Amino acid sequence: MTIYRNQIVIEPSPVIERCASIFGYMQSNSGLGYAKMVATIAVVMLALTGCSPSEAPTAGPNPTETTQPTTDPTETPVQTEFFSMPADCTGILPASELDAFAADGIVLLAGPGGKYGNELITEPTPEMSAGGISCYFGTDNEDLTLLRVAVLVSAVPLDATSRSEVIADLAAQGLAQAMDERGDVTFGILGVSEGQTTANYNVIASDSWISVLSSDGGEAAFLAIIALANAVHSANYN
C-alpha cells in the first residue's frame, strides 16, 4: 500500500495538527515545533498523544460507509463474538498484515512489544489512557531523529460506561458517524491526499474501541485504514 511508502512532511492543519506532526520526517536540529511540523523525536511522539478524542475537525470530505446508523449508538448491541485484548502490539494485527508491512519496510517501532517499547512515547494516547494499547508502525532509522511513523493502530477494551464516553467524545469532534457491516458504530474523517489532514477511523463495538490513524489522507488512505481496523478485529475477536 503506497501510504506506507509515502515519505512526506505534513504541513500544519487546523484539523489534526497535533496528530499529523508525528508522520513527517523527524529532525533534531529544529526548534520550530509545530510551525514546520519538524521536531525532536520526543516532541513528535508527544504530538500524537492527544489525537483522539479531543479536537474537533473542520469540515472536509466525509467517509463513505456501508450503512447509516439506525439506532442510538450508545445502545450496546447484542454480542455474538467477544474481544480479547492483545498482550502487546505484536498481536494487534494478524501475522499476514505484519508480513505485508515488513515487505514495505514497515516495522513496529513503538508501543508494547515494539523495537523501542514505550521509551519514545512521552505521554499516553487517549486509547492508552482508556486502558488500551497504541502501536506505532513505520520506517526505522539508525538516526532516531529520522524515525517516521506511517500508521498508529490502537485497541481498547470497553464496558458499557466507557463505551458511552468514547462515543460521546468522538461524536463531539464532528467526525462522520456511520455503521459498518457488523453493526458497529464508526467515526472517521477522510482527510485529503495532499496531507493537509490525515485519515482517521474508529470502530466502537460492544466491548472494544479500535482506532487507526494514517500518515496520509484521501480515499485510498481511508480504505487502507478501514482494512487495518477490520484486521485488528479479525485478530482479536473470537
C-alpha atoms as a PDB file:
ATOM      1  CA  MET A   1       0.000   0.000   0.000  1.00  0.00           C
ATOM      2  CA  THR A   2       1.576   3.237  -1.099  1.00  0.00           C
ATOM      3  CA  ILE A   3       0.594   5.140   2.017  1.00  0.00           C
ATOM      4  CA  TYR A   4       3.289   3.261   3.908  1.00  0.00           C
ATOM      5  CA  ARG A   5       5.978   4.334   1.487  1.00  0.00           C
ATOM      6  CA  ASN A   6       4.951   7.947   1.107  1.00  0.00           C
ATOM      7  CA  GLN A   7       7.751   9.995   2.679  1.00  0.00           C
ATOM      8  CA  ILE A   8       6.099  13.386   3.032  1.00  0.00           C
ATOM      9  CA  VAL A   9       6.367  16.179   5.544  1.00  0.00           C
ATOM     10  CA  ILE A  10       2.875  17.162   6.600  1.00  0.00           C
ATOM     11  CA  GLU A  11       2.212  20.872   6.912  1.00  0.00           C
ATOM     12  CA  PRO A  12       0.223  22.313   9.845  1.00  0.00           C
ATOM     13  CA  SER A  13      -3.518  21.667   9.744  1.00  0.00           C
ATOM     14  CA  PRO A  14      -6.331  23.078  11.887  1.00  0.00           C
ATOM     15  CA  VAL A  15      -7.949  19.639  11.815  1.00  0.00           C
ATOM     16  CA  ILE A  16      -5.335  17.247  13.179  1.00  0.00           C
ATOM     17  CA  GLU A  17      -2.286  19.458  13.658  1.00  0.00           C
ATOM     18  CA  ARG A  18      -1.079  17.662  16.756  1.00  0.00           C
ATOM     19  CA  CYS A  19      -1.630  14.256  15.193  1.00  0.00           C
ATOM     20  CA  ALA A  20      -0.072  14.988  11.835  1.00  0.00           C
ATOM     21  CA  SER A  21       3.274  16.111  13.185  1.00  0.00           C
ATOM     22  CA  ILE A  22       4.447  12.616  14.012  1.00  0.00           C
ATOM     23  CA  PHE A  23       4.199  11.490  10.400  1.00  0.00           C
ATOM     24  CA  GLY A  24       6.754  13.851   8.881  1.00  0.00           C
ATOM     25  CA  TYR A  25      10.495  13.295   8.952  1.00  0.00           C
ATOM     26  CA  MET A  26      11.906  13.979  12.417  1.00  0.00           C
ATOM     27  CA  GLN A  27      14.928  16.269  12.689  1.00  0.00           C
ATOM     28  CA  SER A  28      16.547  17.157  15.996  1.00  0.00           C
ATOM     29  CA  ASN A  29      18.154  20.392  14.840  1.00  0.00           C
ATOM     30  CA  SER A  30      14.906  22.341  14.660  1.00  0.00           C
ATOM     31  CA  GLY A  31      13.291  24.351  17.425  1.00  0.00           C
ATOM     32  CA  LEU A  32      10.268  25.313  15.351  1.00  0.00           C
ATOM     33  CA  GLY A  33       7.999  22.515  16.643  1.00  0.00           C
ATOM     34  CA  TYR A  34       4.562  22.514  15.040  1.00  0.00           C
ATOM     35  CA  ALA A  35       5.298  25.593  12.945  1.00  0.00           C
ATOM     36  CA  LYS A  36       7.057  23.460  10.339  1.00  0.00           C
ATOM     37  CA  MET A  37       5.982  20.041  11.624  1.00  0.00           C
ATOM     38  CA  VAL A  38       9.600  19.209  12.393  1.00  0.00           C
ATOM     39  CA  ALA A  39      10.703  18.435  15.940  1.00  0.00           C
ATOM     40  CA  THR A  40      12.820  16.189  18.088  1.00  0.00           C
ATOM     41  CA  ILE A  41      11.588  12.650  18.400  1.00  0.00           C
ATOM     42  CA  ALA A  42      10.387  13.132  21.981  1.00  0.00           C
ATOM     43  CA  VAL A  43       8.307  16.144  20.993  1.00  0.00           C
ATOM     44  CA  VAL A  44       6.959  14.437  17.896  1.00  0.00           C
ATOM     45  CA  MET A  45       5.891  11.381  19.861  1.00  0.00           C
ATOM     46  CA  LEU A  46       4.196  13.707  22.323  1.00  0.00           C
ATOM     47  CA  ALA A  47       2.338  15.383  19.479  1.00  0.00           C
ATOM     48  CA  LEU A  48       0.353  12.246  18.756  1.00  0.00           C
ATOM     49  CA  THR A  49      -0.780  11.596  22.307  1.00  0.00           C
ATOM     50  CA  GLY A  50      -3.848  13.804  22.019  1.00  0.00           C
ATOM     51  CA  CYS A  51      -5.077  12.774  18.600  1.00  0.00           C
ATOM     52  CA  SER A  52      -8.466  11.411  19.577  1.00  0.00           C
ATOM     53  CA  PRO A  53     -10.678  12.142  21.212  1.00  0.00           C
ATOM     54  CA  SER A  54     -10.164  15.875  21.868  1.00  0.00           C
ATOM     55  CA  GLU A  55     -10.030  18.057  18.788  1.00  0.00           C
ATOM     56  CA  ALA A  56     -12.932  18.952  16.548  1.00  0.00           C
ATOM     57  CA  PRO A  57     -12.017  18.697  12.847  1.00  0.00           C
ATOM     58  CA  THR A  58     -13.103  21.338  10.403  1.00  0.00           C
ATOM     59  CA  ALA A  59     -15.404  20.495   7.543  1.00  0.00           C
ATOM     60  CA  GLY A  60     -13.972  18.121   4.983  1.00  0.00           C
ATOM     61  CA  PRO A  61     -14.744  15.098   2.850  1.00  0.00           C
ATOM     62  CA  ASN A  62     -16.887  12.561   4.669  1.00  0.00           C
ATOM     63  CA  PRO A  63     -16.122   8.840   4.576  1.00  0.00           C
ATOM     64  CA  THR A  64     -18.497   6.626   2.657  1.00  0.00           C
ATOM     65  CA  GLU A  65     -19.792   3.799   4.819  1.00  0.00           C
ATOM     66  CA  THR A  66     -21.976   0.788   4.142  1.00  0.00           C
ATOM     67  CA  THR A  67     -24.968   1.993   6.193  1.00  0.00           C
ATOM     68  CA  GLN A  68     -26.044   4.898   8.296  1.00  0.00           C
ATOM     69  CA  PRO A  69     -26.814   4.272  11.969  1.00  0.00           C
ATOM     70  CA  THR A  70     -30.481   3.480  12.570  1.00  0.00           C
ATOM     71  CA  THR A  71     -30.316   3.047  16.355  1.00  0.00           C
ATOM     72  CA  ASP A  72     -28.910   5.007  19.260  1.00  0.00           C
ATOM     73  CA  PRO A  73     -25.128   4.417  19.039  1.00  0.00           C
ATOM     74  CA  THR A  74     -24.882   4.390  22.835  1.00  0.00           C
ATOM     75  CA  GLU A  75     -27.099   1.304  22.992  1.00  0.00           C
ATOM     76  CA  THR A  76     -24.902  -1.770  23.397  1.00  0.00           C
ATOM     77  CA  PRO A  77     -25.757  -4.300  20.658  1.00  0.00           C
ATOM     78  CA  VAL A  78     -26.215  -7.983  21.346  1.00  0.00           C
ATOM     79  CA  GLN A  79     -22.817  -9.693  21.220  1.00  0.00           C
ATOM     80  CA  THR A  80     -22.104 -12.743  19.087  1.00  0.00           C
ATOM     81  CA  GLU A  81     -18.312 -12.544  19.463  1.00  0.00           C
ATOM     82  CA  PHE A  82     -16.018 -11.245  22.165  1.00  0.00           C
ATOM     83  CA  PHE A  83     -12.932  -9.053  22.250  1.00  0.00           C
ATOM     84  CA  SER A  84      -9.696 -10.499  23.606  1.00  0.00           C
ATOM     85  CA  MET A  85      -7.192  -7.763  24.420  1.00  0.00           C
ATOM     86  CA  PRO A  86      -3.822  -8.451  22.738  1.00  0.00           C
ATOM     87  CA  ALA A  87      -0.955  -8.903  25.186  1.00  0.00           C
ATOM     88  CA  ASP A  88       1.113  -6.376  23.248  1.00  0.00           C
ATOM     89  CA  CYS A  89       1.444  -4.751  19.840  1.00  0.00           C
ATOM     90  CA  THR A  90       2.838  -7.900  18.233  1.00  0.00           C
ATOM     91  CA  GLY A  91      -0.663  -9.369  18.438  1.00  0.00           C
ATOM     92  CA  ILE A  92      -2.761  -6.383  17.462  1.00  0.00           C
ATOM     93  CA  LEU A  93      -2.679  -7.374  13.761  1.00  0.00           C
ATOM     94  CA  PRO A  94      -2.667 -10.780  12.056  1.00  0.00           C
ATOM     95  CA  ALA A  95       0.719 -12.173  11.043  1.00  0.00           C
ATOM     96  CA  SER A  96      -0.207 -11.698   7.389  1.00  0.00           C
ATOM     97  CA  GLU A  97      -0.571  -7.935   7.907  1.00  0.00           C
ATOM     98  CA  LEU A  98       2.742  -7.732   9.744  1.00  0.00           C
ATOM     99  CA  ASP A  99       4.379  -9.610   6.876  1.00  0.00           C
ATOM    100  CA  ALA A 100       2.867  -7.168   4.369  1.00  0.00           C
ATOM    101  CA  PHE A 101       4.204  -4.277   6.420  1.00  0.00           C
ATOM    102  CA  ALA A 102       7.653  -5.867   6.533  1.00  0.00           C
ATOM    103  CA  ALA A 103       7.653  -6.228   2.753  1.00  0.00           C
ATOM    104  CA  ASP A 104       7.146  -2.462   2.551  1.00  0.00           C
ATOM    105  CA  GLY A 105       9.888  -1.777   5.100  1.00  0.00           C
ATOM    106  CA  ILE A 106       7.396  -1.010   7.867  1.00  0.00           C
ATOM    107  CA  VAL A 107       8.163  -2.289  11.357  1.00  0.00           C
ATOM    108  CA  LEU A 108       6.674  -1.989  14.829  1.00  0.00           C
ATOM    109  CA  LEU A 109       8.584   0.997  16.171  1.00  0.00           C
ATOM    110  CA  ALA A 110       6.898   1.841  19.464  1.00  0.00           C
ATOM    111  CA  GLY A 111       4.296   0.575  21.865  1.00  0.00           C
ATOM    112  CA  PRO A 112       4.460  -2.600  23.977  1.00  0.00           C
ATOM    113  CA  GLY A 113       6.431  -5.221  22.070  1.00  0.00           C
ATOM    114  CA  GLY A 114       7.853  -2.635  19.664  1.00  0.00           C
ATOM    115  CA  LYS A 115      11.532  -2.115  18.941  1.00  0.00           C
ATOM    116  CA  TYR A 116      11.667   0.942  21.186  1.00  0.00           C
ATOM    117  CA  GLY A 117       8.863  -0.052  23.534  1.00  0.00           C
ATOM    118  CA  ASN A 118       7.279   2.940  25.219  1.00  0.00           C
ATOM    119  CA  GLU A 119      10.537   4.831  25.755  1.00  0.00           C
ATOM    120  CA  LEU A 120       9.812   7.319  22.959  1.00  0.00           C
ATOM    121  CA  ILE A 121       6.204   7.937  23.961  1.00  0.00           C
ATOM    122  CA  THR A 122       6.345  10.795  26.430  1.00  0.00           C
ATOM    123  CA  GLU A 123       2.610  10.823  27.233  1.00  0.00           C
ATOM    124  CA  PRO A 124      -0.103   8.213  26.697  1.00  0.00           C
ATOM    125  CA  THR A 125      -2.548   8.390  23.825  1.00  0.00           C
ATOM    126  CA  PRO A 126      -6.248   8.684  24.731  1.00  0.00           C
ATOM    127  CA  GLU A 127      -6.547   4.989  23.884  1.00  0.00           C
ATOM    128  CA  MET A 128      -3.750   4.130  26.291  1.00  0.00           C
ATOM    129  CA  SER A 129      -5.354   6.288  28.975  1.00  0.00           C
ATOM    130  CA  ALA A 130      -8.593   4.368  28.440  1.00  0.00           C
ATOM    131  CA  GLY A 131      -6.806   1.089  29.210  1.00  0.00           C
ATOM    132  CA  GLY A 132      -5.730   0.064  25.728  1.00  0.00           C
ATOM    133  CA  ILE A 133      -2.517  -0.061  23.726  1.00  0.00           C
ATOM    134  CA  SER A 134      -1.258   2.113  20.875  1.00  0.00           C
ATOM    135  CA  CYS A 135       1.130   0.677  18.310  1.00  0.00           C
ATOM    136  CA  TYR A 136       3.336   2.857  16.108  1.00  0.00           C
ATOM    137  CA  PHE A 137       4.259   1.254  12.781  1.00  0.00           C
ATOM    138  CA  GLY A 138       6.721   2.980  10.485  1.00  0.00           C
ATOM    139  CA  THR A 139      10.169   3.247   8.992  1.00  0.00           C
ATOM    140  CA  ASP A 140      13.147   2.637  11.254  1.00  0.00           C
ATOM    141  CA  ASN A 141      16.424   4.531  11.024  1.00  0.00           C
ATOM    142  CA  GLU A 142      19.779   4.329  12.783  1.00  0.00           C
ATOM    143  CA  ASP A 143      19.330   8.021  13.472  1.00  0.00           C
ATOM    144  CA  LEU A 144      16.402   8.062  15.892  1.00  0.00           C
ATOM    145  CA  THR A 145      15.534  11.606  14.892  1.00  0.00           C
ATOM    146  CA  LEU A 146      14.620  10.297  11.424  1.00  0.00           C
ATOM    147  CA  LEU A 147      12.147   7.649  12.520  1.00  0.00           C
ATOM    148  CA  ARG A 148       8.887   8.028  10.606  1.00  0.00           C
ATOM    149  CA  VAL A 149       5.554   6.671  11.787  1.00  0.00           C
ATOM    150  CA  ALA A 150       3.241   5.618   8.957  1.00  0.00           C
ATOM    151  CA  VAL A 151       0.225   4.416  10.902  1.00  0.00           C
ATOM    152  CA  LEU A 152      -0.938   4.323  14.515  1.00  0.00           C
ATOM    153  CA  VAL A 153      -3.104   1.336  15.463  1.00  0.00           C
ATOM    154  CA  SER A 154      -4.843   1.154  18.839  1.00  0.00           C
ATOM    155  CA  ALA A 155      -7.173  -1.242  20.626  1.00  0.00           C
ATOM    156  CA  VAL A 156      -9.078  -0.656  23.860  1.00  0.00           C
ATOM    157  CA  PRO A 157     -11.379  -2.941  25.874  1.00  0.00           C
ATOM    158  CA  LEU A 158     -14.676  -1.226  26.773  1.00  0.00           C
ATOM    159  CA  ASP A 159     -17.532  -1.716  29.173  1.00  0.00           C
ATOM    160  CA  ALA A 160     -20.938  -0.064  28.862  1.00  0.00           C
ATOM    161  CA  THR A 161     -19.838   3.092  30.681  1.00  0.00           C
ATOM    162  CA  SER A 162     -16.537   3.645  28.882  1.00  0.00           C
ATOM    163  CA  ARG A 163     -18.182   2.809  25.551  1.00  0.00           C
ATOM    164  CA  SER A 164     -20.709   5.620  26.019  1.00  0.00           C
ATOM    165  CA  GLU A 165     -17.940   8.037  26.981  1.00  0.00           C
ATOM    166  CA  VAL A 166     -15.843   7.211  23.907  1.00  0.00           C
ATOM    167  CA  ILE A 167     -18.850   7.577  21.606  1.00  0.00           C
ATOM    168  CA  ALA A 168     -19.707  10.949  23.134  1.00  0.00           C
ATOM    169  CA  ASP A 169     -16.123  12.166  22.730  1.00  0.00           C
ATOM    170  CA  LEU A 170     -15.827  11.065  19.110  1.00  0.00           C
ATOM    171  CA  ALA A 171     -19.250  12.488  18.239  1.00  0.00           C
ATOM    172  CA  ALA A 172     -18.237  15.826  19.753  1.00  0.00           C
ATOM    173  CA  GLN A 173     -15.309  16.005  17.314  1.00  0.00           C
ATOM    174  CA  GLY A 174     -17.669  16.175  14.366  1.00  0.00           C
ATOM    175  CA  LEU A 175     -16.289  13.008  12.769  1.00  0.00           C
ATOM    176  CA  ALA A 176     -18.509  11.315  10.202  1.00  0.00           C
ATOM    177  CA  GLN A 177     -20.626   8.723  12.013  1.00  0.00           C
ATOM    178  CA  ALA A 178     -21.905   5.548  10.392  1.00  0.00           C
ATOM    179  CA  MET A 179     -22.290   1.818  10.957  1.00  0.00           C
ATOM    180  CA  ASP A 180     -20.203  -0.991   9.493  1.00  0.00           C
ATOM    181  CA  GLU A 181     -21.321  -4.347   8.140  1.00  0.00           C
ATOM    182  CA  ARG A 182     -21.146  -5.885  11.624  1.00  0.00           C
ATOM    183  CA  GLY A 183     -23.442  -3.233  13.043  1.00  0.00           C
ATOM    184  CA  ASP A 184     -20.659  -1.496  14.967  1.00  0.00           C
ATOM    185  CA  VAL A 185     -20.666   2.293  15.241  1.00  0.00           C
ATOM    186  CA  THR A 186     -17.864   4.003  13.310  1.00  0.00           C
ATOM    187  CA  PHE A 187     -16.405   7.505  13.319  1.00  0.00           C
ATOM    188  CA  GLY A 188     -13.968   8.752  10.717  1.00  0.00           C
ATOM    189  CA  ILE A 189     -12.526  11.514   8.615  1.00  0.00           C
ATOM    190  CA  LEU A 190     -11.336  11.022   5.062  1.00  0.00           C
ATOM    191  CA  GLY A 191      -8.599  13.638   5.052  1.00  0.00           C
ATOM    192  CA  VAL A 192      -7.047  14.825   1.823  1.00  0.00           C
ATOM    193  CA  SER A 193      -4.385  13.146  -0.254  1.00  0.00           C
ATOM    194  CA  GLU A 194      -2.123  16.195  -0.199  1.00  0.00           C
ATOM    195  CA  GLY A 195      -1.564  15.522   3.506  1.00  0.00           C
ATOM    196  CA  GLN A 196      -3.190  18.619   4.997  1.00  0.00           C
ATOM    197  CA  THR A 197      -5.450  16.374   7.055  1.00  0.00           C
ATOM    198  CA  THR A 198      -4.914  12.694   7.718  1.00  0.00           C
ATOM    199  CA  ALA A 199      -7.351   9.806   7.559  1.00  0.00           C
ATOM    200  CA  ASN A 200      -8.709   8.645  10.909  1.00  0.00           C
ATOM    201  CA  TYR A 201     -11.054   5.706  11.546  1.00  0.00           C
ATOM    202  CA  ASN A 202     -12.630   4.435  14.760  1.00  0.00           C
ATOM    203  CA  VAL A 203     -14.800   1.363  15.333  1.00  0.00           C
ATOM    204  CA  ILE A 204     -16.823   1.129  18.536  1.00  0.00           C
ATOM    205  CA  ALA A 205     -18.071  -2.410  19.143  1.00  0.00           C
ATOM    206  CA  SER A 206     -19.893  -3.723  22.202  1.00  0.00           C
ATOM    207  CA  ASP A 207     -16.675  -4.315  24.100  1.00  0.00           C
ATOM    208  CA  SER A 208     -13.854  -2.607  22.204  1.00  0.00           C
ATOM    209  CA  TRP A 209     -12.614   0.574  20.577  1.00  0.00           C
ATOM    210  CA  ILE A 210     -10.346   0.040  17.572  1.00  0.00           C
ATOM    211  CA  SER A 211      -8.747   3.121  16.047  1.00  0.00           C
ATOM    212  CA  VAL A 212      -6.364   3.635  13.144  1.00  0.00           C
ATOM    213  CA  LEU A 213      -4.689   6.905  12.184  1.00  0.00           C
ATOM    214  CA  SER A 214      -2.845   7.193   8.872  1.00  0.00           C
ATOM    215  CA  SER A 215       0.007   9.446   7.837  1.00  0.00           C
ATOM    216  CA  ASP A 216      -1.906  10.248   4.663  1.00  0.00           C
ATOM    217  CA  GLY A 217      -5.378  11.373   3.682  1.00  0.00           C
ATOM    218  CA  GLY A 218      -7.788  10.733   0.853  1.00  0.00           C
ATOM    219  CA  GLU A 219      -9.906   7.795  -0.231  1.00  0.00           C
ATOM    220  CA  ALA A 220      -7.067   5.307  -0.739  1.00  0.00           C
ATOM    221  CA  ALA A 221      -5.630   6.026   2.698  1.00  0.00           C
ATOM    222  CA  PHE A 222      -9.050   5.845   4.307  1.00  0.00           C
ATOM    223  CA  LEU A 223      -9.890   2.499   2.701  1.00  0.00           C
ATOM    224  CA  ALA A 224      -6.498   1.188   3.810  1.00  0.00           C
ATOM    225  CA  ILE A 225      -7.103   2.050   7.451  1.00  0.00           C
ATOM    226  CA  ILE A 226     -10.609   0.552   7.322  1.00  0.00           C
ATOM    227  CA  ALA A 227      -8.932  -2.663   6.170  1.00  0.00           C
ATOM    228  CA  LEU A 228      -6.461  -2.419   9.050  1.00  0.00           C
ATOM    229  CA  ALA A 229      -9.257  -1.875  11.566  1.00  0.00           C
ATOM    230  CA  ASN A 230     -11.003  -4.969  10.214  1.00  0.00           C
ATOM    231  CA  ALA A 231      -7.728  -6.865  10.509  1.00  0.00           C
ATOM    232  CA  VAL A 232      -7.445  -5.844  14.174  1.00  0.00           C
ATOM    233  CA  HIS A 233     -10.975  -7.141  14.683  1.00  0.00           C
ATOM    234  CA  SER A 234     -10.165 -10.445  12.989  1.00  0.00           C
ATOM    235  CA  ALA A 235      -7.035 -10.933  15.100  1.00  0.00           C
ATOM    236  CA  ASN A 236      -8.643 -10.183  18.442  1.00  0.00           C
ATOM    237  CA  TYR A 237     -12.208 -11.479  18.376  1.00  0.00           C
ATOM    238  CA  ASN A 238     -13.454 -14.985  18.961  1.00  0.00           C
END
